[in-house]
Amino acid sequence: MKTIDVKLPQTSYKVSIDDWNLDEAALTIHNFLKEDRLYILTNKTIKKLYQRKLSQCFSKSFKLIWITIPEGERFKTLRTCEKIHEELVNKKANRSSFILALGGGVIGDIAGFVAATYMRGINYIQMPTTLLAQVDSSVGGKTGVDLKIGKNLVGAFYQPKAVIVLTRFLKTLPEKEMINGLAEVIKYALIADNHLFYYLDSHYENIFKHDTQTLEKITHLCLSLKAKIVAKDEKENNQRALLNFGHSVGHAIELLKHYKNIKHGEAIAMGMIYASELSASLGFLDKADVLAIKLLITKMGLPTVWPSFTETAYKKALLKDKKAQDENIQFICLTKIGKAHIEELSINNILQCLKR
């Protein structure tokens, strides 16, 4: 088992990374519980796959209370949270209760936000089941939901008590979801670790073979990088914004597609290509690096061409970005593979690559 300590000014917690140690996971959870009940927030697909296995192990120590929500980004809403709040009341959850977020990024974001707001705050643990959540969204305490006019516009910084990463969950993950998560892995390589970039280039076949050693390595590398960044800037006042590389344009694409027929990782891949192209056009990044980035993203099965929405449509979407102030955005640019910086750009400046 590999572990990472996330050390923050007001709190700290441990991330454990293992293949499939359910007994250790049960012990970790049990050590936090103040009552004999655990509220598991998940979706029907994950519940069907893992209810029996988790019940066999976890129910020895505590009672499991399952709460399921529909799958997909379009259900990441305040209405969904309201339904969960009501179900928690009906199932007698109190201020000592614990939520286990069992799922991908959507489940983790919603579970964290519900935990932050139910009875003014209860505890939760992240147990991510997708690659995207295992390498990124489960750590850092960003919780929240979308509004119709924009992504992640309502939320809170609310840290989990622990993060339990079991890579064997990925064996039941559809290949499209593996590809979806690889976008975030590539992001970490591009902003902070060129060795990871070349490791991905030479080991990508092992990822799709679900090689345990490879998956644990890339998960540990990504989450170690995130833990260091979050420790320096928990609430995204400066350096944590680097984690948004590719996300401004990526989120705009998701919004313009109404979160339908597109995966988050696909949108971020297109956003990273756009950000790389823009970095090159601004003179920050060598064009040879742009080509290398495109080749790796293509090799991973991710798209490299952004949709042909109008410049006006992109502008409206970008104006709804959380990082937008007036008509400027703190945009993340690359200096080279493995190094990024924050550049305040006007939206018109950002849109220059659309005109090609």
Protein backbone atom coordinates (compact mmCIF):
# COMPACT_ATOMS: atom_id res chain seq x y z
CA MET A 1 0.00 0.00 0.00
CA LYS A 2 1.16 3.52 -0.84
CA THR A 3 0.12 6.51 1.24
CA ILE A 4 0.14 10.27 0.78
CA ASP A 5 -0.36 12.85 3.52
CA VAL A 6 -2.42 15.87 2.54
CA LYS A 7 -1.37 18.57 5.01
CA LEU A 8 -3.46 21.74 5.15
CA PRO A 9 -3.48 24.71 7.56
CA GLN A 10 -6.72 23.65 9.29
CA THR A 11 -6.73 19.90 8.75
CA SER A 12 -4.86 16.96 7.28
CA TYR A 13 -5.80 13.52 6.02
CA LYS A 14 -4.29 10.45 4.47
CA VAL A 15 -4.70 9.04 0.98
CA SER A 16 -4.16 5.27 0.75
CA ILE A 17 -3.54 3.58 -2.60
CA ASP A 18 -3.83 -0.17 -2.95
CA ASP A 19 -5.10 -2.78 -5.38
CA TRP A 20 -7.95 -4.28 -3.35
CA ASN A 21 -7.55 -4.28 0.43
CA LEU A 22 -11.15 -4.10 1.62
CA ASP A 23 -10.28 -5.20 5.16
CA GLU A 24 -7.89 -2.27 5.55
CA ALA A 25 -10.49 0.05 3.98
CA ALA A 26 -13.11 -1.15 6.49
CA LEU A 27 -10.70 -0.56 9.37
CA THR A 28 -9.90 2.96 8.14
CA ILE A 29 -13.59 3.82 7.95
CA HIS A 30 -14.40 2.16 11.28
CA ASN A 31 -11.75 4.24 13.05
CA PHE A 32 -13.60 7.42 12.05
CA LEU A 33 -17.19 6.36 12.77
CA LYS A 34 -18.91 7.53 15.94
CA GLU A 35 -21.94 5.33 15.27
CA ASP A 36 -22.57 1.95 13.70
CA ARG A 37 -24.01 3.30 10.42
CA LEU A 38 -22.34 4.35 7.19
CA TYR A 39 -24.27 6.20 4.49
CA ILE A 40 -22.98 5.20 1.04
CA LEU A 41 -23.75 7.61 -1.81
CA THR A 42 -23.40 5.97 -5.21
CA ASN A 43 -25.29 5.21 -8.42
CA LYS A 44 -27.22 2.07 -9.38
CA THR A 45 -24.48 0.67 -11.64
CA ILE A 46 -21.81 0.80 -8.92
CA LYS A 47 -24.21 -0.49 -6.27
CA LYS A 48 -25.06 -3.49 -8.46
CA LEU A 49 -21.37 -4.24 -9.08
CA TYR A 50 -20.09 -3.88 -5.53
CA GLN A 51 -22.92 -4.05 -2.99
CA ARG A 52 -22.32 -7.73 -2.20
CA LYS A 53 -18.53 -7.43 -1.91
CA LEU A 54 -18.67 -4.35 0.28
CA SER A 55 -21.46 -5.76 2.42
CA GLN A 56 -19.51 -8.98 3.03
CA CYS A 57 -16.58 -7.01 4.39
CA PHE A 58 -17.99 -3.76 5.77
CA SER A 59 -21.16 -5.06 7.44
CA LYS A 60 -18.99 -6.93 9.94
CA SER A 61 -18.13 -3.55 11.44
CA PHE A 62 -21.10 -1.28 10.68
CA LYS A 63 -24.52 -1.09 9.04
CA LEU A 64 -24.57 0.10 5.42
CA ILE A 65 -27.29 2.52 4.30
CA TRP A 66 -27.31 2.94 0.53
CA ILE A 67 -28.41 6.12 -1.25
CA THR A 68 -28.37 6.08 -5.06
CA ILE A 69 -28.61 8.89 -7.58
CA PRO A 70 -28.84 8.88 -11.40
CA GLU A 71 -25.63 8.73 -13.42
CA GLY A 72 -24.19 11.64 -15.35
CA GLU A 73 -23.04 15.25 -15.11
CA ARG A 74 -26.53 16.54 -15.91
CA PHE A 75 -27.70 15.27 -12.51
CA LYS A 76 -25.00 17.21 -10.67
CA THR A 77 -27.54 19.78 -9.50
CA LEU A 78 -28.97 21.43 -6.42
CA ARG A 79 -32.17 19.43 -6.95
CA THR A 80 -30.22 16.17 -6.66
CA CYS A 81 -28.60 17.44 -3.45
CA GLU A 82 -31.98 18.40 -2.05
CA LYS A 83 -33.27 14.87 -2.64
CA ILE A 84 -30.19 13.42 -0.89
CA HIS A 85 -30.65 15.81 2.06
CA GLU A 86 -34.27 14.67 2.39
CA GLU A 87 -33.26 11.01 2.19
CA LEU A 88 -30.63 11.53 4.89
CA VAL A 89 -33.31 13.04 7.14
CA ASN A 90 -35.68 10.15 6.43
CA LYS A 91 -32.90 7.65 7.17
CA LYS A 92 -32.10 9.41 10.47
CA ALA A 93 -28.65 10.77 9.62
CA ASN A 94 -27.35 13.16 12.29
CA ARG A 95 -24.31 15.35 12.88
CA SER A 96 -22.23 12.30 13.81
CA SER A 97 -23.09 10.49 10.58
CA PHE A 98 -20.58 9.68 7.87
CA ILE A 99 -21.03 9.64 4.09
CA LEU A 100 -18.91 7.37 1.89
CA ALA A 101 -18.61 8.73 -1.67
CA LEU A 102 -18.44 5.56 -3.77
CA GLY A 103 -18.15 6.54 -7.42
CA GLY A 104 -16.55 8.86 -9.91
CA GLY A 105 -16.11 12.62 -9.97
CA VAL A 106 -19.81 13.45 -10.04
CA ILE A 107 -20.52 11.27 -6.98
CA GLY A 108 -17.51 12.71 -5.16
CA ASP A 109 -18.45 16.32 -5.89
CA ILE A 110 -22.07 15.82 -4.83
CA ALA A 111 -21.21 13.77 -1.73
CA GLY A 112 -18.73 16.39 -0.57
CA PHE A 113 -21.22 19.23 -1.11
CA VAL A 114 -24.00 17.34 0.67
CA ALA A 115 -21.62 16.61 3.56
CA ALA A 116 -20.62 20.28 3.72
CA THR A 117 -24.23 21.46 3.89
CA TYR A 118 -26.25 18.77 5.69
CA MET A 119 -26.85 19.97 9.27
CA ARG A 120 -24.14 22.59 8.56
CA GLY A 121 -21.50 19.93 8.01
CA ILE A 122 -20.97 16.21 8.54
CA ASN A 123 -17.97 14.04 7.70
CA TYR A 124 -17.29 12.10 4.53
CA ILE A 125 -14.71 9.77 3.00
CA GLN A 126 -13.87 9.44 -0.66
CA MET A 127 -13.64 5.98 -2.22
CA PRO A 128 -13.28 6.77 -5.95
CA THR A 129 -14.12 4.10 -8.53
CA THR A 130 -13.06 5.83 -11.79
CA LEU A 131 -9.60 6.72 -13.01
CA LEU A 132 -10.51 10.41 -13.20
CA ALA A 133 -11.59 10.46 -9.57
CA GLN A 134 -8.70 8.29 -8.40
CA VAL A 135 -6.01 10.50 -9.93
CA ASP A 136 -7.62 13.88 -9.34
CA SER A 137 -11.04 14.87 -8.05
CA SER A 138 -11.13 12.75 -4.87
CA VAL A 139 -8.34 14.82 -3.29
CA GLY A 140 -8.40 18.53 -2.54
CA GLY A 141 -11.85 19.17 -1.10
CA LYS A 142 -13.45 20.87 -4.09
CA THR A 143 -17.14 20.03 -3.88
CA GLY A 144 -20.11 21.40 -5.75
CA VAL A 145 -22.76 21.27 -8.41
CA ASP A 146 -23.54 22.85 -11.76
CA LEU A 147 -26.13 25.46 -12.66
CA LYS A 148 -27.78 25.61 -16.07
CA ILE A 149 -25.67 28.67 -16.86
CA GLY A 150 -22.31 27.21 -15.84
CA LYS A 151 -20.25 24.39 -14.35
CA ASN A 152 -19.34 24.12 -10.64
CA LEU A 153 -20.76 27.55 -9.83
CA VAL A 154 -22.17 26.42 -6.46
CA GLY A 155 -19.98 24.58 -4.01
CA ALA A 156 -17.62 24.63 -1.06
CA PHE A 157 -14.05 23.76 -0.18
CA TYR A 158 -14.70 20.87 2.21
CA GLN A 159 -12.04 18.28 2.86
CA PRO A 160 -12.73 14.54 3.34
CA LYS A 161 -11.53 12.69 6.41
CA ALA A 162 -9.70 10.18 4.23
CA VAL A 163 -9.36 9.04 0.63
CA ILE A 164 -9.23 5.31 -0.12
CA VAL A 165 -8.06 4.47 -3.64
CA LEU A 166 -8.51 0.84 -4.70
CA THR A 167 -7.27 0.42 -8.26
CA ARG A 168 -9.11 -2.87 -8.81
CA PHE A 169 -12.30 -0.86 -9.18
CA LEU A 170 -10.90 0.08 -12.58
CA LYS A 171 -11.20 -3.49 -13.85
CA THR A 172 -14.96 -3.03 -14.25
CA LEU A 173 -14.59 0.45 -15.72
CA PRO A 174 -15.52 0.72 -19.42
CA GLU A 175 -12.58 1.62 -21.66
CA LYS A 176 -14.20 4.96 -22.52
CA GLU A 177 -14.12 5.89 -18.83
CA MET A 178 -10.46 4.87 -18.58
CA ILE A 179 -9.73 7.16 -21.53
CA ASN A 180 -11.79 9.87 -19.84
CA GLY A 181 -9.57 9.73 -16.74
CA LEU A 182 -6.34 9.75 -18.71
CA ALA A 183 -6.97 13.38 -19.66
CA GLU A 184 -6.39 14.40 -16.04
CA VAL A 185 -3.26 12.22 -15.83
CA ILE A 186 -1.88 13.98 -18.91
CA LYS A 187 -2.76 17.31 -17.30
CA TYR A 188 -0.50 16.58 -14.33
CA ALA A 189 2.31 15.54 -16.65
CA LEU A 190 1.99 18.76 -18.65
CA ILE A 191 1.84 21.20 -15.75
CA ALA A 192 4.32 19.63 -13.35
CA ASP A 193 6.11 16.41 -14.37
CA ASN A 194 7.73 15.83 -17.75
CA HIS A 195 8.96 12.41 -16.55
CA LEU A 196 5.32 11.37 -16.12
CA PHE A 197 4.65 12.57 -19.66
CA TYR A 198 7.28 10.25 -21.13
CA TYR A 199 6.28 7.43 -18.77
CA LEU A 200 2.73 7.64 -20.13
CA ASP A 201 4.05 7.60 -23.67
CA SER A 202 5.93 4.35 -23.07
CA HIS A 203 3.50 2.58 -20.71
CA TYR A 204 0.05 3.49 -22.03
CA GLU A 205 -0.62 -0.11 -23.13
CA ASN A 206 -0.14 -1.29 -19.53
CA ILE A 207 -2.80 1.17 -18.39
CA PHE A 208 -5.39 -0.37 -20.70
CA LYS A 209 -4.30 -3.84 -19.54
CA HIS A 210 -5.08 -2.70 -15.97
CA ASP A 211 -1.56 -3.48 -14.85
CA THR A 212 -1.63 -2.94 -11.08
CA GLN A 213 1.91 -1.57 -10.78
CA THR A 214 1.39 0.96 -13.58
CA LEU A 215 -1.97 2.15 -12.23
CA GLU A 216 -0.66 2.53 -8.69
CA LYS A 217 2.37 4.43 -9.98
CA ILE A 218 0.46 6.99 -12.04
CA THR A 219 -2.16 7.42 -9.31
CA HIS A 220 0.53 8.00 -6.69
CA LEU A 221 2.39 10.48 -8.92
CA CYS A 222 -0.73 12.49 -9.75
CA LEU A 223 -2.08 12.62 -6.21
CA SER A 224 1.34 13.46 -4.76
CA LEU A 225 1.53 16.44 -7.12
CA LYS A 226 -1.99 17.49 -6.22
CA ALA A 227 -1.35 17.15 -2.48
CA LYS A 228 1.70 19.45 -2.73
CA ILE A 229 -0.21 22.07 -4.71
CA VAL A 230 -3.28 21.96 -2.46
CA ALA A 231 -1.10 22.19 0.66
CA LYS A 232 0.32 25.48 -0.65
CA ASP A 233 -3.00 26.89 -1.84
CA GLU A 234 -6.08 25.11 -0.50
CA LYS A 235 -8.67 27.59 -1.77
CA GLU A 236 -7.21 28.39 -5.17
CA ASN A 237 -5.91 31.89 -4.53
CA ASN A 238 -2.86 31.37 -6.75
CA GLN A 239 -0.91 28.18 -7.52
CA ARG A 240 -3.84 25.77 -7.28
CA ALA A 241 -5.23 27.47 -10.39
CA LEU A 242 -2.54 25.56 -12.34
CA LEU A 243 -4.73 22.48 -11.92
CA ASN A 244 -7.22 24.19 -14.24
CA PHE A 245 -4.97 23.73 -17.26
CA GLY A 246 -7.25 23.00 -20.22
CA HIS A 247 -10.36 23.53 -18.11
CA SER A 248 -11.45 27.04 -19.16
CA VAL A 249 -12.04 26.03 -22.77
CA GLY A 250 -12.92 22.47 -21.71
CA HIS A 251 -15.71 23.67 -19.42
CA ALA A 252 -16.92 26.02 -22.16
CA ILE A 253 -17.20 23.04 -24.53
CA GLU A 254 -19.14 21.02 -21.94
CA LEU A 255 -21.52 23.93 -21.38
CA LEU A 256 -22.06 24.50 -25.10
CA LYS A 257 -22.84 20.80 -25.51
CA HIS A 258 -25.23 20.97 -22.53
CA TYR A 259 -23.18 18.21 -20.84
CA LYS A 260 -24.56 15.69 -23.35
CA ASN A 261 -22.65 13.28 -25.59
CA ILE A 262 -19.31 14.39 -24.20
CA LYS A 263 -17.12 13.14 -21.37
CA HIS A 264 -15.34 15.54 -19.04
CA GLY A 265 -11.97 14.12 -20.06
CA GLU A 266 -12.75 14.57 -23.75
CA ALA A 267 -13.58 18.23 -23.19
CA ILE A 268 -10.44 18.74 -21.09
CA ALA A 269 -8.30 17.05 -23.77
CA MET A 270 -9.62 19.51 -26.36
CA GLY A 271 -9.09 22.33 -23.87
CA MET A 272 -5.48 21.25 -23.28
CA ILE A 273 -4.79 21.20 -27.00
CA TYR A 274 -6.31 24.66 -27.30
CA ALA A 275 -4.27 25.95 -24.34
CA SER A 276 -1.10 24.44 -25.84
CA GLU A 277 -1.78 26.05 -29.21
CA LEU A 278 -2.47 29.38 -27.52
CA SER A 279 0.70 29.06 -25.41
CA ALA A 280 2.68 28.56 -28.62
CA SER A 281 1.01 31.49 -30.37
CA LEU A 282 1.87 33.72 -27.39
CA GLY A 283 5.50 32.64 -27.62
CA PHE A 284 5.60 30.61 -24.39
CA LEU A 285 5.74 27.07 -25.81
CA ASP A 286 7.75 25.48 -28.59
CA LYS A 287 5.63 24.15 -31.46
CA ALA A 288 7.48 20.83 -31.27
CA ASP A 289 6.05 20.42 -27.77
CA VAL A 290 2.55 21.11 -29.09
CA LEU A 291 3.03 18.29 -31.61
CA ALA A 292 4.27 15.91 -28.88
CA ILE A 293 1.24 16.75 -26.74
CA LYS A 294 -1.14 16.10 -29.63
CA LEU A 295 0.52 12.77 -30.35
CA LEU A 296 0.20 11.57 -26.75
CA ILE A 297 -3.42 12.70 -26.44
CA THR A 298 -4.22 10.95 -29.72
CA LYS A 299 -2.43 7.80 -28.55
CA MET A 300 -4.62 7.77 -25.45
CA GLY A 301 -7.76 7.82 -27.59
CA LEU A 302 -8.75 11.39 -26.72
CA PRO A 303 -9.88 14.08 -29.18
CA THR A 304 -7.55 16.89 -30.26
CA VAL A 305 -9.89 19.15 -32.28
CA TRP A 306 -12.26 21.49 -30.47
CA PRO A 307 -15.87 21.81 -31.71
CA SER A 308 -16.69 24.49 -34.27
CA PHE A 309 -19.02 26.64 -32.20
CA THR A 310 -19.04 30.32 -33.12
CA GLU A 311 -16.66 32.78 -31.53
CA THR A 312 -19.66 34.50 -29.91
CA ALA A 313 -20.83 31.21 -28.38
CA TYR A 314 -17.38 30.47 -26.95
CA LYS A 315 -17.14 34.01 -25.58
CA LYS A 316 -20.47 33.71 -23.76
CA ALA A 317 -19.44 30.36 -22.31
CA LEU A 318 -16.03 31.61 -21.19
CA LEU A 319 -17.63 34.61 -19.46
CA LYS A 320 -19.39 32.11 -17.18
CA ASP A 321 -16.05 30.63 -16.09
CA LYS A 322 -15.44 30.93 -12.32
CA LYS A 323 -12.07 32.50 -13.05
CA ALA A 324 -13.52 35.24 -15.28
CA GLN A 325 -13.29 38.80 -14.01
CA ASP A 326 -14.93 41.34 -16.29
CA GLU A 327 -13.59 40.07 -19.64
CA ASN A 328 -10.31 38.66 -18.32
CA ILE A 329 -9.49 35.12 -17.25
CA GLN A 330 -6.59 33.67 -15.30
CA PHE A 331 -5.59 31.31 -18.09
CA ILE A 332 -3.09 28.50 -17.61
CA CYS A 333 -0.35 28.46 -20.23
CA LEU A 334 2.52 26.03 -20.76
CA THR A 335 6.15 27.12 -20.85
CA LYS A 336 7.32 23.60 -21.68
CA ILE A 337 6.15 20.07 -21.06
CA GLY A 338 6.16 19.79 -17.27
CA LYS A 339 5.93 23.51 -16.50
CA ALA A 340 2.94 25.86 -16.52
CA HIS A 341 2.19 29.38 -15.38
CA ILE A 342 -0.81 31.65 -14.86
CA GLU A 343 -1.38 34.37 -17.41
CA GLU A 344 -4.17 36.93 -17.14
CA LEU A 345 -5.63 37.19 -20.63
CA SER A 346 -8.61 38.93 -22.13
CA ILE A 347 -11.24 36.62 -23.56
CA ASN A 348 -10.61 38.13 -27.00
CA ASN A 349 -6.93 37.17 -26.59
CA ILE A 350 -7.90 33.64 -25.60
CA LEU A 351 -10.18 33.28 -28.61
CA GLN A 352 -7.50 34.09 -31.17
CA CYS A 353 -6.85 30.41 -31.94
CA LEU A 354 -10.48 29.96 -33.00
CA LYS A 355 -9.84 32.14 -36.04
CA ARG A 356 -7.38 29.70 -37.57
